[in-house]
Amino acid sequence: MLRPRKSRELVRPLDIGLQWDVGAPLPHLLQSERRTFLIFYLSDPWADWDGTSIEVIDPTSPAPAPLGVVQWLSCGGAVLGGPNDEAYSGHRLWGQGLSEIGVYGAAEVMDSEWIAALEKQNRVHPNHRSDAFASYRHFILGFHDSTFECVAEGFRAWKAEISMPEMLGALAARLNDPGFESELALAEVKCG
C-alpha cells in the first residue's frame, strides 16, 4: 500500500510592512514578463469608528485612498484566486503552518514544492542550471475573497494615497520603466 508523501514545506510568517483592509482589500494583480505588482486597499479605520457601520469601497472611485503596492522582484509565477477566507482551511498548506499565520496574513513557504516543480520542468532546457532557482522564494498573502501566491526573489512594498484607477493606470503605463516609484510619490515601507 502506498502512503501519501509527507510534504517538507513549512509556512512561516512574513512582515511585508503593510496591513491590508480585512473586509475589502480588493487586490489587483498587474503583471508583465518583467514586472509583477500587487495593489490593495490598506486598513484605514476611521478615527471615530465604533464598529457598528461599514464603508463600501468602490475600486472605480476617483477619490484617493490608502493603497499598498508590492512589487515582486524577478517573479517566476503568480496567481490570484481561491481559496477565499471562508475556505482558507482547505489550502494545501493549512497543516504546514498556514493555520498559524491566519487568514489575513503574509507568509513565506520554506522548501516550496512549487519552486521544485518549476526547477524540474526546466530541466529539459539545454542550458538548465538548478542553482538558478536557488534564489526563488514562495510567498502567500491571504485576503477576504482571494489568496495571492507567487514565486519571486524578493519584494519591495510601498504605501500611497491615490485612487485605485490612478494607481493601476500609472503602474500599467510604467510596467517596463525602472524608475516608476519616484513619479508616483510612493513611500517605501519594506524591502525583503
N, C-alpha and C. Protein backbone atom coordinates (compact mmCIF):
# COMPACT_ATOMS: atom_id res chain seq x y z
N MET A 1 0.83 -1.17 0.00
CA MET A 1 0.00 0.00 0.00
C MET A 1 0.88 1.25 0.00
N LEU A 2 0.59 2.18 -0.91
CA LEU A 2 1.35 3.42 -1.00
C LEU A 2 0.80 4.43 0.00
N ARG A 3 1.70 5.04 0.70
CA ARG A 3 1.31 6.10 1.62
C ARG A 3 1.54 7.45 0.94
N PRO A 4 0.66 8.40 1.23
CA PRO A 4 0.89 9.73 0.66
C PRO A 4 2.22 10.30 1.17
N ARG A 5 2.91 10.94 0.26
CA ARG A 5 4.20 11.55 0.61
C ARG A 5 3.96 12.75 1.51
N LYS A 6 4.67 12.82 2.62
CA LYS A 6 4.54 13.95 3.54
C LYS A 6 5.34 15.13 2.98
N SER A 7 4.69 16.27 2.92
CA SER A 7 5.34 17.47 2.42
C SER A 7 6.38 17.97 3.42
N ARG A 8 7.49 18.47 2.90
CA ARG A 8 8.50 19.09 3.73
C ARG A 8 8.28 20.60 3.82
N GLU A 9 7.29 21.08 3.11
CA GLU A 9 7.02 22.51 3.09
C GLU A 9 6.64 23.00 4.49
N LEU A 10 7.08 24.19 4.81
CA LEU A 10 6.78 24.79 6.09
C LEU A 10 6.48 26.27 5.87
N VAL A 11 5.37 26.73 6.42
CA VAL A 11 4.94 28.13 6.24
C VAL A 11 5.37 28.94 7.45
N ARG A 12 6.02 30.06 7.16
CA ARG A 12 6.49 30.98 8.21
C ARG A 12 5.85 32.36 8.02
N PRO A 13 5.59 33.07 9.12
CA PRO A 13 5.04 34.43 8.98
C PRO A 13 6.04 35.35 8.29
N LEU A 14 5.51 36.35 7.59
CA LEU A 14 6.34 37.30 6.86
C LEU A 14 5.78 38.69 7.08
N ASP A 15 6.64 39.61 7.46
CA ASP A 15 6.25 41.01 7.63
C ASP A 15 6.59 41.75 6.34
N ILE A 16 5.55 42.20 5.63
CA ILE A 16 5.80 42.97 4.41
C ILE A 16 5.64 44.47 4.67
N GLY A 17 5.38 44.84 5.91
CA GLY A 17 5.31 46.25 6.27
C GLY A 17 3.97 46.91 5.97
N LEU A 18 2.99 46.14 5.54
CA LEU A 18 1.68 46.68 5.19
C LEU A 18 0.59 45.82 5.81
N GLN A 19 -0.51 46.44 6.21
CA GLN A 19 -1.67 45.70 6.69
C GLN A 19 -2.86 46.08 5.82
N TRP A 20 -3.33 45.12 5.03
CA TRP A 20 -4.44 45.39 4.13
C TRP A 20 -5.77 45.36 4.86
N ASP A 21 -6.75 45.97 4.23
CA ASP A 21 -8.10 46.01 4.77
C ASP A 21 -8.64 44.59 4.84
N VAL A 22 -9.21 44.21 5.97
CA VAL A 22 -9.72 42.85 6.14
C VAL A 22 -11.02 42.65 5.37
N GLY A 23 -11.90 43.64 5.38
CA GLY A 23 -13.20 43.48 4.75
C GLY A 23 -13.19 43.60 3.24
N ALA A 24 -12.44 44.55 2.72
CA ALA A 24 -12.44 44.79 1.27
C ALA A 24 -11.08 45.26 0.79
N PRO A 25 -10.09 44.38 0.78
CA PRO A 25 -8.77 44.78 0.28
C PRO A 25 -8.75 44.92 -1.24
N LEU A 26 -9.66 44.21 -1.92
CA LEU A 26 -9.81 44.27 -3.37
C LEU A 26 -8.46 44.23 -4.11
N PRO A 27 -7.68 43.17 -3.92
CA PRO A 27 -6.36 43.11 -4.55
C PRO A 27 -6.45 43.06 -6.06
N HIS A 28 -5.50 43.72 -6.69
CA HIS A 28 -5.35 43.72 -8.14
C HIS A 28 -3.94 43.24 -8.46
N LEU A 29 -3.83 42.33 -9.41
CA LEU A 29 -2.54 41.80 -9.85
C LEU A 29 -2.25 42.38 -11.23
N LEU A 30 -1.12 43.04 -11.35
CA LEU A 30 -0.69 43.65 -12.61
C LEU A 30 0.67 43.05 -12.95
N GLN A 31 0.77 42.43 -14.13
CA GLN A 31 1.97 41.64 -14.40
C GLN A 31 2.36 41.69 -15.87
N SER A 32 3.66 41.71 -16.10
CA SER A 32 4.23 41.51 -17.43
C SER A 32 5.33 40.45 -17.24
N GLU A 33 6.07 40.18 -18.29
CA GLU A 33 7.19 39.23 -18.13
C GLU A 33 8.31 39.81 -17.28
N ARG A 34 8.35 41.14 -17.16
CA ARG A 34 9.45 41.79 -16.44
C ARG A 34 9.08 42.23 -15.03
N ARG A 35 7.80 42.56 -14.80
CA ARG A 35 7.41 43.12 -13.51
C ARG A 35 6.10 42.52 -13.03
N THR A 36 5.96 42.43 -11.70
CA THR A 36 4.73 41.95 -11.08
C THR A 36 4.40 42.85 -9.89
N PHE A 37 3.18 43.37 -9.91
CA PHE A 37 2.71 44.24 -8.83
C PHE A 37 1.42 43.70 -8.25
N LEU A 38 1.28 43.81 -6.94
CA LEU A 38 0.03 43.51 -6.25
C LEU A 38 -0.37 44.79 -5.54
N ILE A 39 -1.58 45.28 -5.85
CA ILE A 39 -2.09 46.53 -5.29
C ILE A 39 -3.34 46.21 -4.50
N PHE A 40 -3.50 46.82 -3.32
CA PHE A 40 -4.67 46.54 -2.49
C PHE A 40 -4.92 47.72 -1.56
N TYR A 41 -6.16 47.75 -1.04
CA TYR A 41 -6.52 48.79 -0.07
C TYR A 41 -5.95 48.44 1.29
N LEU A 42 -5.41 49.46 1.95
CA LEU A 42 -4.85 49.28 3.28
C LEU A 42 -5.92 49.46 4.35
N SER A 43 -5.66 48.89 5.50
CA SER A 43 -6.55 49.07 6.64
C SER A 43 -6.49 50.54 7.05
N ASP A 44 -7.66 51.16 7.15
CA ASP A 44 -7.72 52.58 7.48
C ASP A 44 -8.98 52.86 8.28
N PRO A 45 -9.03 52.37 9.54
CA PRO A 45 -10.24 52.62 10.32
C PRO A 45 -10.41 54.11 10.59
N TRP A 46 -11.64 54.56 10.51
CA TRP A 46 -11.94 55.96 10.79
C TRP A 46 -11.64 56.25 12.24
N ALA A 47 -11.22 57.45 12.53
CA ALA A 47 -10.85 57.84 13.89
C ALA A 47 -12.03 57.70 14.86
N ASP A 48 -13.25 57.95 14.38
CA ASP A 48 -14.42 57.89 15.26
C ASP A 48 -15.26 56.63 15.03
N TRP A 49 -14.67 55.62 14.39
CA TRP A 49 -15.42 54.40 14.07
C TRP A 49 -15.71 53.59 15.33
N ASP A 50 -16.98 53.21 15.53
CA ASP A 50 -17.38 52.44 16.71
C ASP A 50 -17.69 50.98 16.40
N GLY A 51 -17.47 50.55 15.15
CA GLY A 51 -17.68 49.16 14.78
C GLY A 51 -19.11 48.81 14.39
N THR A 52 -20.00 49.78 14.38
CA THR A 52 -21.41 49.50 14.08
C THR A 52 -21.80 49.80 12.64
N SER A 53 -20.88 50.32 11.85
CA SER A 53 -21.20 50.65 10.46
C SER A 53 -20.09 50.15 9.55
N ILE A 54 -20.39 50.15 8.25
CA ILE A 54 -19.38 49.74 7.28
C ILE A 54 -19.27 50.81 6.20
N GLU A 55 -18.14 50.81 5.53
CA GLU A 55 -17.94 51.69 4.39
C GLU A 55 -17.77 50.79 3.17
N VAL A 56 -18.58 51.05 2.15
CA VAL A 56 -18.47 50.29 0.92
C VAL A 56 -17.37 50.91 0.07
N ILE A 57 -16.42 50.09 -0.33
CA ILE A 57 -15.29 50.58 -1.12
C ILE A 57 -15.58 50.33 -2.59
N ASP A 58 -15.45 51.38 -3.39
CA ASP A 58 -15.68 51.31 -4.83
C ASP A 58 -14.33 51.43 -5.53
N PRO A 59 -13.82 50.34 -6.12
CA PRO A 59 -12.49 50.41 -6.74
C PRO A 59 -12.45 51.29 -7.99
N THR A 60 -13.61 51.76 -8.45
CA THR A 60 -13.61 52.68 -9.61
C THR A 60 -13.66 54.14 -9.18
N SER A 61 -13.74 54.39 -7.88
CA SER A 61 -13.84 55.75 -7.37
C SER A 61 -12.57 56.55 -7.68
N PRO A 62 -12.73 57.81 -8.07
CA PRO A 62 -11.55 58.66 -8.32
C PRO A 62 -10.97 59.27 -7.03
N ALA A 63 -11.62 59.00 -5.89
CA ALA A 63 -11.15 59.57 -4.62
C ALA A 63 -9.88 58.86 -4.15
N PRO A 64 -8.91 59.63 -3.65
CA PRO A 64 -7.70 59.00 -3.10
C PRO A 64 -8.04 58.10 -1.91
N ALA A 65 -7.29 57.04 -1.78
CA ALA A 65 -7.48 56.08 -0.69
C ALA A 65 -6.12 55.52 -0.32
N PRO A 66 -5.97 55.00 0.90
CA PRO A 66 -4.69 54.39 1.28
C PRO A 66 -4.50 53.05 0.56
N LEU A 67 -3.47 52.98 -0.25
CA LEU A 67 -3.18 51.76 -1.02
C LEU A 67 -1.82 51.21 -0.65
N GLY A 68 -1.71 49.90 -0.74
CA GLY A 68 -0.43 49.22 -0.62
C GLY A 68 -0.04 48.70 -1.98
N VAL A 69 1.23 48.80 -2.30
CA VAL A 69 1.77 48.30 -3.57
C VAL A 69 2.96 47.42 -3.24
N VAL A 70 2.94 46.19 -3.74
CA VAL A 70 4.08 45.29 -3.56
C VAL A 70 4.59 44.90 -4.94
N GLN A 71 5.85 45.15 -5.18
CA GLN A 71 6.50 44.69 -6.40
C GLN A 71 7.23 43.40 -6.05
N TRP A 72 6.96 42.36 -6.81
CA TRP A 72 7.61 41.06 -6.60
C TRP A 72 8.79 40.99 -7.54
N LEU A 73 9.98 40.92 -7.00
CA LEU A 73 11.22 41.02 -7.76
C LEU A 73 11.56 39.70 -8.45
N SER A 74 11.86 39.80 -9.74
CA SER A 74 12.20 38.62 -10.55
C SER A 74 11.17 37.52 -10.36
N CYS A 75 9.91 37.86 -10.54
CA CYS A 75 8.80 36.94 -10.29
C CYS A 75 8.80 35.81 -11.32
N GLY A 76 8.77 34.58 -10.84
CA GLY A 76 8.75 33.41 -11.72
C GLY A 76 7.36 32.83 -11.90
N GLY A 77 6.36 33.40 -11.24
CA GLY A 77 4.98 32.93 -11.37
C GLY A 77 4.13 33.54 -10.27
N ALA A 78 2.90 33.89 -10.63
CA ALA A 78 1.99 34.50 -9.65
C ALA A 78 0.57 34.08 -9.97
N VAL A 79 -0.24 33.95 -8.91
CA VAL A 79 -1.65 33.61 -9.07
C VAL A 79 -2.46 34.34 -8.01
N LEU A 80 -3.61 34.86 -8.42
CA LEU A 80 -4.55 35.50 -7.52
C LEU A 80 -5.88 34.81 -7.74
N GLY A 81 -6.36 34.10 -6.73
CA GLY A 81 -7.60 33.34 -6.87
C GLY A 81 -7.97 32.70 -5.55
N GLY A 82 -8.62 31.54 -5.61
CA GLY A 82 -9.05 30.87 -4.40
C GLY A 82 -7.90 30.25 -3.65
N PRO A 83 -8.15 29.90 -2.42
CA PRO A 83 -9.42 29.97 -1.70
C PRO A 83 -9.66 31.35 -1.09
N ASN A 84 -10.95 31.62 -0.79
CA ASN A 84 -11.28 32.84 -0.08
C ASN A 84 -11.15 32.59 1.42
N ASP A 85 -11.48 33.60 2.23
CA ASP A 85 -11.27 33.45 3.68
C ASP A 85 -12.13 32.36 4.30
N GLU A 86 -13.28 32.09 3.73
CA GLU A 86 -14.16 31.06 4.29
C GLU A 86 -13.70 29.64 3.97
N ALA A 87 -12.85 29.49 2.96
CA ALA A 87 -12.35 28.17 2.58
C ALA A 87 -10.84 28.04 2.76
N TYR A 88 -10.24 29.01 3.44
CA TYR A 88 -8.78 29.05 3.60
C TYR A 88 -8.24 27.79 4.26
N SER A 89 -9.02 27.19 5.15
CA SER A 89 -8.54 25.97 5.82
C SER A 89 -8.45 24.79 4.86
N GLY A 90 -8.94 24.95 3.64
CA GLY A 90 -8.79 23.92 2.62
C GLY A 90 -7.51 24.07 1.80
N HIS A 91 -6.75 25.13 2.03
CA HIS A 91 -5.49 25.34 1.31
C HIS A 91 -4.55 24.19 1.63
N ARG A 92 -3.82 23.72 0.65
CA ARG A 92 -2.95 22.55 0.84
C ARG A 92 -1.85 22.77 1.89
N LEU A 93 -1.56 24.04 2.22
CA LEU A 93 -0.52 24.32 3.22
C LEU A 93 -1.09 24.66 4.59
N TRP A 94 -2.39 24.48 4.77
CA TRP A 94 -3.02 24.81 6.05
C TRP A 94 -2.36 24.06 7.21
N GLY A 95 -2.08 22.79 7.04
CA GLY A 95 -1.46 21.98 8.09
C GLY A 95 0.05 22.14 8.17
N GLN A 96 0.64 22.91 7.28
CA GLN A 96 2.10 23.13 7.27
C GLN A 96 2.46 24.48 7.89
N GLY A 97 1.54 25.08 8.63
CA GLY A 97 1.83 26.34 9.30
C GLY A 97 0.97 27.51 8.85
N LEU A 98 0.25 27.36 7.74
CA LEU A 98 -0.59 28.45 7.27
C LEU A 98 -1.69 28.76 8.28
N SER A 99 -2.16 27.74 9.00
CA SER A 99 -3.21 27.96 10.01
C SER A 99 -2.73 28.88 11.12
N GLU A 100 -1.44 28.87 11.42
CA GLU A 100 -0.90 29.71 12.47
C GLU A 100 -0.72 31.16 12.04
N ILE A 101 -0.63 31.38 10.74
CA ILE A 101 -0.48 32.73 10.20
C ILE A 101 -1.81 33.46 10.25
N GLY A 102 -2.88 32.72 9.99
CA GLY A 102 -4.20 33.32 9.95
C GLY A 102 -4.59 33.67 8.53
N VAL A 103 -5.86 33.94 8.37
CA VAL A 103 -6.41 34.17 7.04
C VAL A 103 -5.86 35.44 6.40
N TYR A 104 -5.68 36.50 7.15
CA TYR A 104 -5.33 37.79 6.57
C TYR A 104 -3.87 38.15 6.77
N GLY A 105 -3.01 37.17 6.71
CA GLY A 105 -1.60 37.41 6.94
C GLY A 105 -0.76 37.17 5.71
N ALA A 106 0.52 37.47 5.86
CA ALA A 106 1.52 37.21 4.82
C ALA A 106 2.45 36.12 5.32
N ALA A 107 2.90 35.29 4.40
CA ALA A 107 3.74 34.16 4.78
C ALA A 107 4.74 33.83 3.68
N GLU A 108 5.76 33.08 4.08
CA GLU A 108 6.73 32.55 3.13
C GLU A 108 6.77 31.04 3.33
N VAL A 109 6.85 30.31 2.22
CA VAL A 109 6.87 28.85 2.25
C VAL A 109 8.31 28.37 2.09
N MET A 110 8.80 27.64 3.08
CA MET A 110 10.14 27.04 3.01
C MET A 110 10.04 25.67 2.34
N ASP A 111 11.06 25.28 1.61
CA ASP A 111 11.09 24.01 0.88
C ASP A 111 9.87 23.87 -0.03
N SER A 112 9.61 24.92 -0.79
CA SER A 112 8.42 25.00 -1.64
C SER A 112 8.39 23.95 -2.74
N GLU A 113 7.28 23.23 -2.79
CA GLU A 113 7.08 22.27 -3.88
C GLU A 113 6.84 22.99 -5.20
N TRP A 114 6.29 24.19 -5.16
CA TRP A 114 6.08 24.96 -6.39
C TRP A 114 7.44 25.31 -7.03
N ILE A 115 8.38 25.77 -6.21
CA ILE A 115 9.71 26.09 -6.75
C ILE A 115 10.38 24.83 -7.27
N ALA A 116 10.26 23.73 -6.55
CA ALA A 116 10.83 22.46 -7.00
C ALA A 116 10.23 22.03 -8.34
N ALA A 117 8.93 22.23 -8.51
CA ALA A 117 8.26 21.87 -9.77
C ALA A 117 8.74 22.76 -10.91
N LEU A 118 8.95 24.04 -10.65
CA LEU A 118 9.47 24.95 -11.68
C LEU A 118 10.87 24.52 -12.12
N GLU A 119 11.70 24.17 -11.15
CA GLU A 119 13.05 23.72 -11.47
C GLU A 119 13.01 22.43 -12.28
N LYS A 120 12.17 21.50 -11.87
CA LYS A 120 12.06 20.21 -12.54
C LYS A 120 11.59 20.35 -13.98
N GLN A 121 10.59 21.19 -14.22
CA GLN A 121 10.08 21.33 -15.59
C GLN A 121 11.10 22.02 -16.49
N ASN A 122 12.01 22.79 -15.91
CA ASN A 122 13.02 23.50 -16.70
C ASN A 122 14.20 22.61 -17.07
N ARG A 123 14.28 21.41 -16.50
CA ARG A 123 15.42 20.53 -16.76
C ARG A 123 15.55 20.12 -18.22
N VAL A 124 14.49 20.24 -18.99
CA VAL A 124 14.56 19.89 -20.41
C VAL A 124 15.33 20.95 -21.20
N HIS A 125 15.53 22.12 -20.63
CA HIS A 125 16.26 23.19 -21.31
C HIS A 125 17.72 22.77 -21.46
N PRO A 126 18.31 22.95 -22.64
CA PRO A 126 19.70 22.50 -22.84
C PRO A 126 20.71 23.20 -21.94
N ASN A 127 20.42 24.40 -21.48
CA ASN A 127 21.35 25.13 -20.61
C ASN A 127 20.83 25.22 -19.18
N HIS A 128 20.04 24.25 -18.78
CA HIS A 128 19.45 24.26 -17.43
C HIS A 128 20.52 24.26 -16.35
N ARG A 129 20.27 25.10 -15.32
CA ARG A 129 21.12 25.13 -14.14
C ARG A 129 20.20 25.13 -12.92
N SER A 130 20.28 24.12 -12.10
CA SER A 130 19.44 24.02 -10.91
C SER A 130 19.66 25.20 -9.97
N ASP A 131 20.90 25.68 -9.89
CA ASP A 131 21.21 26.77 -8.96
C ASP A 131 20.52 28.08 -9.34
N ALA A 132 20.04 28.19 -10.58
CA ALA A 132 19.32 29.39 -11.00
C ALA A 132 18.00 29.54 -10.24
N PHE A 133 17.51 28.48 -9.64
CA PHE A 133 16.24 28.51 -8.90
C PHE A 133 16.46 28.69 -7.39
N ALA A 134 17.70 28.70 -6.96
CA ALA A 134 18.01 28.77 -5.53
C ALA A 134 17.60 30.10 -4.89
N SER A 135 17.53 31.16 -5.68
CA SER A 135 17.19 32.47 -5.10
C SER A 135 15.68 32.71 -5.04
N TYR A 136 14.89 31.79 -5.60
CA TYR A 136 13.44 31.95 -5.54
C TYR A 136 12.89 31.71 -4.14
N ARG A 137 11.84 32.47 -3.83
CA ARG A 137 11.11 32.31 -2.57
C ARG A 137 9.62 32.23 -2.91
N HIS A 138 8.87 31.52 -2.10
CA HIS A 138 7.43 31.31 -2.32
C HIS A 138 6.68 32.13 -1.27
N PHE A 139 5.83 33.05 -1.74
CA PHE A 139 5.09 33.95 -0.85
C PHE A 139 3.59 33.68 -0.95
N ILE A 140 2.87 33.90 0.18
CA ILE A 140 1.40 33.77 0.21
C ILE A 140 0.84 34.96 1.00
N LEU A 141 -0.21 35.58 0.45
CA LEU A 141 -0.95 36.62 1.15
C LEU A 141 -2.42 36.25 1.11
N GLY A 142 -3.06 36.23 2.26
CA GLY A 142 -4.47 35.87 2.35
C GLY A 142 -5.36 37.10 2.42
N PHE A 143 -6.35 37.16 1.55
CA PHE A 143 -7.28 38.28 1.51
C PHE A 143 -8.70 37.78 1.79
N HIS A 144 -9.63 38.70 1.83
CA HIS A 144 -11.03 38.36 2.13
C HIS A 144 -11.62 37.40 1.10
N ASP A 145 -11.53 37.74 -0.16
CA ASP A 145 -12.15 36.93 -1.21
C ASP A 145 -11.17 36.16 -2.07
N SER A 146 -9.89 36.19 -1.75
CA SER A 146 -8.91 35.51 -2.59
C SER A 146 -7.61 35.28 -1.82
N THR A 147 -6.75 34.52 -2.46
CA THR A 147 -5.40 34.26 -1.96
C THR A 147 -4.43 34.60 -3.07
N PHE A 148 -3.33 35.25 -2.72
CA PHE A 148 -2.27 35.55 -3.68
C PHE A 148 -1.07 34.68 -3.35
N GLU A 149 -0.49 34.07 -4.37
CA GLU A 149 0.75 33.32 -4.20
C GLU A 149 1.68 33.67 -5.34
N CYS A 150 2.97 33.74 -5.03
CA CYS A 150 3.95 33.96 -6.09
C CYS A 150 5.27 33.34 -5.72
N VAL A 151 6.08 33.14 -6.73
CA VAL A 151 7.47 32.72 -6.59
C VAL A 151 8.29 33.89 -7.12
N ALA A 152 9.14 34.44 -6.28
CA ALA A 152 9.94 35.60 -6.66
C ALA A 152 11.23 35.61 -5.84
N GLU A 153 12.15 36.48 -6.21
CA GLU A 153 13.40 36.58 -5.45
C GLU A 153 13.27 37.48 -4.23
N GLY A 154 12.23 38.29 -4.18
CA GLY A 154 12.04 39.18 -3.05
C GLY A 154 10.92 40.15 -3.36
N PHE A 155 10.83 41.21 -2.57
CA PHE A 155 9.76 42.18 -2.77
C PHE A 155 10.18 43.56 -2.29
N ARG A 156 9.45 44.56 -2.77
CA ARG A 156 9.51 45.92 -2.27
C ARG A 156 8.08 46.34 -2.03
N ALA A 157 7.82 46.98 -0.90
CA ALA A 157 6.46 47.38 -0.55
C ALA A 157 6.40 48.88 -0.29
N TRP A 158 5.32 49.49 -0.77
CA TRP A 158 5.11 50.93 -0.62
C TRP A 158 3.69 51.22 -0.16
N LYS A 159 3.51 52.42 0.39
CA LYS A 159 2.19 52.98 0.69
C LYS A 159 1.99 54.18 -0.22
N ALA A 160 0.73 54.44 -0.53
CA ALA A 160 0.40 55.63 -1.31
C ALA A 160 -1.02 56.06 -0.98
N GLU A 161 -1.29 57.32 -1.16
CA GLU A 161 -2.64 57.86 -1.02
C GLU A 161 -3.04 58.33 -2.42
N ILE A 162 -3.76 57.47 -3.12
CA ILE A 162 -4.09 57.70 -4.53
C ILE A 162 -5.31 56.82 -4.85
N SER A 163 -6.03 57.15 -5.88
CA SER A 163 -7.18 56.30 -6.24
C SER A 163 -6.69 55.02 -6.91
N MET A 164 -7.47 53.97 -6.77
CA MET A 164 -7.11 52.69 -7.41
C MET A 164 -6.99 52.84 -8.93
N PRO A 165 -7.95 53.51 -9.61
CA PRO A 165 -7.79 53.66 -11.07
C PRO A 165 -6.52 54.41 -11.46
N GLU A 166 -6.19 55.45 -10.69
CA GLU A 166 -4.98 56.22 -10.99
C GLU A 166 -3.73 55.37 -10.78
N MET A 167 -3.70 54.59 -9.69
CA MET A 167 -2.55 53.73 -9.42
C MET A 167 -2.39 52.67 -10.50
N LEU A 168 -3.49 52.01 -10.85
CA LEU A 168 -3.42 50.96 -11.87
C LEU A 168 -2.97 51.53 -13.21
N GLY A 169 -3.51 52.69 -13.58
CA GLY A 169 -3.12 53.31 -14.84
C GLY A 169 -1.65 53.70 -14.86
N ALA A 170 -1.19 54.28 -13.75
CA ALA A 170 0.20 54.71 -13.67
C ALA A 170 1.15 53.52 -13.71
N LEU A 171 0.83 52.45 -12.97
CA LEU A 171 1.69 51.27 -12.97
C LEU A 171 1.67 50.57 -14.33
N ALA A 172 0.49 50.49 -14.95
CA ALA A 172 0.40 49.85 -16.27
C ALA A 172 1.24 50.62 -17.29
N ALA A 173 1.21 51.94 -17.22
CA ALA A 173 1.99 52.76 -18.15
C ALA A 173 3.49 52.64 -17.92
N ARG A 174 3.87 52.23 -16.70
CA ARG A 174 5.29 52.15 -16.35
C ARG A 174 5.73 50.71 -16.06
N LEU A 175 5.01 49.75 -16.58
CA LEU A 175 5.31 48.36 -16.27
C LEU A 175 6.74 47.97 -16.64
N ASN A 176 7.32 48.62 -17.61
CA ASN A 176 8.68 48.31 -18.02
C ASN A 176 9.65 49.44 -17.73
N ASP A 177 9.24 50.41 -16.91
CA ASP A 177 10.06 51.57 -16.57
C ASP A 177 10.71 51.36 -15.21
N PRO A 178 12.04 51.34 -15.14
CA PRO A 178 12.69 51.06 -13.86
C PRO A 178 12.56 52.17 -12.82
N GLY A 179 12.15 53.39 -13.19
CA GLY A 179 12.10 54.48 -12.24
C GLY A 179 10.70 54.92 -11.87
N PHE A 180 9.75 54.01 -11.95
CA PHE A 180 8.35 54.37 -11.75
C PHE A 180 8.03 54.92 -10.37
N GLU A 181 8.68 54.41 -9.31
CA GLU A 181 8.27 54.78 -7.95
C GLU A 181 8.46 56.25 -7.62
N SER A 182 9.47 56.89 -8.20
CA SER A 182 9.69 58.31 -7.91
C SER A 182 8.57 59.18 -8.49
N GLU A 183 7.98 58.77 -9.59
CA GLU A 183 6.92 59.55 -10.22
C GLU A 183 5.57 59.37 -9.53
N LEU A 184 5.39 58.34 -8.72
CA LEU A 184 4.10 58.06 -8.12
C LEU A 184 4.00 58.47 -6.65
N ALA A 185 5.01 59.10 -6.11
CA ALA A 185 5.02 59.52 -4.71
C ALA A 185 4.71 58.35 -3.77
N LEU A 186 5.41 57.23 -4.00
CA LEU A 186 5.26 56.07 -3.15
C LEU A 186 6.22 56.16 -1.97
N ALA A 187 5.76 55.79 -0.80
CA ALA A 187 6.60 55.78 0.40
C ALA A 187 6.99 54.33 0.70
N GLU A 188 8.26 53.99 0.50
CA GLU A 188 8.68 52.61 0.73
C GLU A 188 8.61 52.28 2.21
N VAL A 189 8.05 51.11 2.51
CA VAL A 189 7.90 50.67 3.90
C VAL A 189 8.71 49.42 4.21
N LYS A 190 9.02 48.63 3.20
CA LYS A 190 9.72 47.36 3.48
C LYS A 190 10.35 46.84 2.20
N CYS A 191 11.48 46.18 2.37
CA CYS A 191 12.15 45.52 1.26
C CYS A 191 12.64 44.19 1.80
N GLY A 192 12.35 43.11 1.10
CA GLY A 192 12.74 41.81 1.64
C GLY A 192 13.05 40.80 0.58
